[in-house]
C-alpha atoms as a PDB file:
ATOM      1  CA  MET A   1       0.082  -0.180  -0.035  1.00  0.00           C
ATOM      2  CA  VAL A   2       2.293   2.775   1.237  1.00  0.00           C
ATOM      3  CA  GLN A   3       5.890   2.360  -0.233  1.00  0.00           C
ATOM      4  CA  ASN A   4       9.002   4.401  -0.563  1.00  0.00           C
ATOM      5  CA  PHE A   5       8.626   6.080   2.564  1.00  0.00           C
ATOM      6  CA  PRO A   6      10.939   9.200   2.883  1.00  0.00           C
ATOM      7  CA  LYS A   7       9.998  10.123  -1.005  1.00  0.00           C
ATOM      8  CA  LEU A   8       6.411   9.751  -0.419  1.00  0.00           C
ATOM      9  CA  GLN A   9       6.547  11.545   3.074  1.00  0.00           C
ATOM     10  CA  GLN A  10       8.388  14.567   1.464  1.00  0.00           C
ATOM     11  CA  GLU A  11       5.909  14.656  -1.193  1.00  0.00           C
ATOM     12  CA  LEU A  12       2.807  14.476   1.314  1.00  0.00           C
ATOM     13  CA  GLU A  13       4.344  17.217   3.467  1.00  0.00           C
ATOM     14  CA  THR A  14       5.093  19.571   0.592  1.00  0.00           C
ATOM     15  CA  HIS A  15       1.310  18.978  -0.581  1.00  0.00           C
ATOM     16  CA  VAL A  16      -0.173  19.708   2.601  1.00  0.00           C
ATOM     17  CA  LEU A  17       1.940  22.730   3.495  1.00  0.00           C
ATOM     18  CA  ALA A  18       1.028  24.000   0.213  1.00  0.00           C
ATOM     19  CA  ARG A  19      -2.772  23.219   0.557  1.00  0.00           C
ATOM     20  CA  THR A  20      -2.799  24.582   4.003  1.00  0.00           C
ATOM     21  CA  GLY A  21      -0.947  27.838   2.918  1.00  0.00           C
ATOM     22  CA  ARG A  22       1.524  26.566   5.767  1.00  0.00           C
ATOM     23  CA  ARG A  23      -0.754  27.312   8.328  1.00  0.00           C
ATOM     24  CA  VAL A  24      -0.141  23.964  10.190  1.00  0.00           C
ATOM     25  CA  ARG A  25       2.530  24.484  12.549  1.00  0.00           C
ATOM     26  CA  ASP A  26       5.074  21.351  13.720  1.00  0.00           C
ATOM     27  CA  LEU A  27       3.382  19.331  10.794  1.00  0.00           C
ATOM     28  CA  ASP A  28       4.366  15.639  11.149  1.00  0.00           C
ATOM     29  CA  ILE A  29       3.472  13.235   9.016  1.00  0.00           C
ATOM     30  CA  VAL A  30       3.848   9.627   9.966  1.00  0.00           C
ATOM     31  CA  LEU A  31       3.561   6.992   7.485  1.00  0.00           C
ATOM     32  CA  SER A  32       3.303   2.820   8.268  1.00  0.00           C
ATOM     33  CA  ALA A  33       2.184   0.186   5.945  1.00  0.00           C
ATOM     34  CA  GLU A  34      -1.301   0.336   7.892  1.00  0.00           C
ATOM     35  CA  ARG A  35      -2.148   3.907   7.937  1.00  0.00           C
ATOM     36  CA  VAL A  36      -1.103   7.764   7.623  1.00  0.00           C
ATOM     37  CA  VAL A  37      -0.941  10.084  10.672  1.00  0.00           C
ATOM     38  CA  LEU A  38      -1.034  13.715  10.675  1.00  0.00           C
ATOM     39  CA  ARG A  39       0.050  15.609  13.755  1.00  0.00           C
ATOM     40  CA  GLY A  40       0.668  19.319  14.248  1.00  0.00           C
ATOM     41  CA  HIS A  41      -1.102  22.251  15.355  1.00  0.00           C
ATOM     42  CA  ALA A  42      -3.844  24.550  13.608  1.00  0.00           C
ATOM     43  CA  ALA A  43      -5.701  27.663  14.455  1.00  0.00           C
ATOM     44  CA  SER A  44      -8.852  26.475  13.138  1.00  0.00           C
ATOM     45  CA  PHE A  45     -10.718  23.192  12.169  1.00  0.00           C
ATOM     46  CA  HIS A  46     -10.807  24.484   8.448  1.00  0.00           C
ATOM     47  CA  VAL A  47      -7.209  24.390   8.292  1.00  0.00           C
ATOM     48  CA  LYS A  48      -6.971  20.993  10.070  1.00  0.00           C
ATOM     49  CA  GLN A  49      -9.684  19.424   7.221  1.00  0.00           C
ATOM     50  CA  LEU A  50      -7.425  21.236   4.418  1.00  0.00           C
ATOM     51  CA  ALA A  51      -4.526  19.181   5.686  1.00  0.00           C
ATOM     52  CA  GLN A  52      -6.392  15.989   5.453  1.00  0.00           C
ATOM     53  CA  HIS A  53      -7.651  16.641   2.132  1.00  0.00           C
ATOM     54  CA  GLY A  54      -4.103  17.231   1.071  1.00  0.00           C
ATOM     55  CA  VAL A  55      -3.234  13.623   2.062  1.00  0.00           C
ATOM     56  CA  ARG A  56      -6.433  12.445   0.255  1.00  0.00           C
ATOM     57  CA  ASP A  57      -5.138  14.362  -2.822  1.00  0.00           C
ATOM     58  CA  LEU A  58      -2.430  12.077  -3.049  1.00  0.00           C
ATOM     59  CA  LEU A  59      -3.508   9.022  -1.316  1.00  0.00           C
ATOM     60  CA  PRO A  60      -7.267   8.973  -1.736  1.00  0.00           C
ATOM     61  CA  ASP A  61      -7.794   5.386  -0.157  1.00  0.00           C
ATOM     62  CA  VAL A  62      -5.436   5.409   2.615  1.00  0.00           C
ATOM     63  CA  ARG A  63      -6.297   4.885   6.256  1.00  0.00           C
ATOM     64  CA  LEU A  64      -5.811   8.418   7.719  1.00  0.00           C
ATOM     65  CA  GLU A  65      -5.917   9.530  11.121  1.00  0.00           C
ATOM     66  CA  ASN A  66      -5.979  13.358  11.733  1.00  0.00           C
ATOM     67  CA  ALA A  67      -4.162  14.125  15.147  1.00  0.00           C
ATOM     68  CA  ILE A  68      -3.499  17.997  14.279  1.00  0.00           C
ATOM     69  CA  GLU A  69      -4.725  19.835  17.429  1.00  0.00           C
ATOM     70  CA  VAL A  70      -6.826  23.090  16.905  1.00  0.00           C
ATOM     71  CA  ALA A  71      -6.253  25.767  19.365  1.00  0.00           C
END
């Protein structure tokens, strides 16, 4: 399912940051064979959702956990 982790992780990070206008602070994307986990901090649920859609743009069928904190 998820292969070539370092390259894919960089692509996901670049895409998510572009999709969110770099509004996710301390973005961390954790990849495993089973799922993708998004971590970081956002000022709104809208930005959190944009980050999730950024992953879905590249990996539409992956199991995704969005653990970005909104404060």
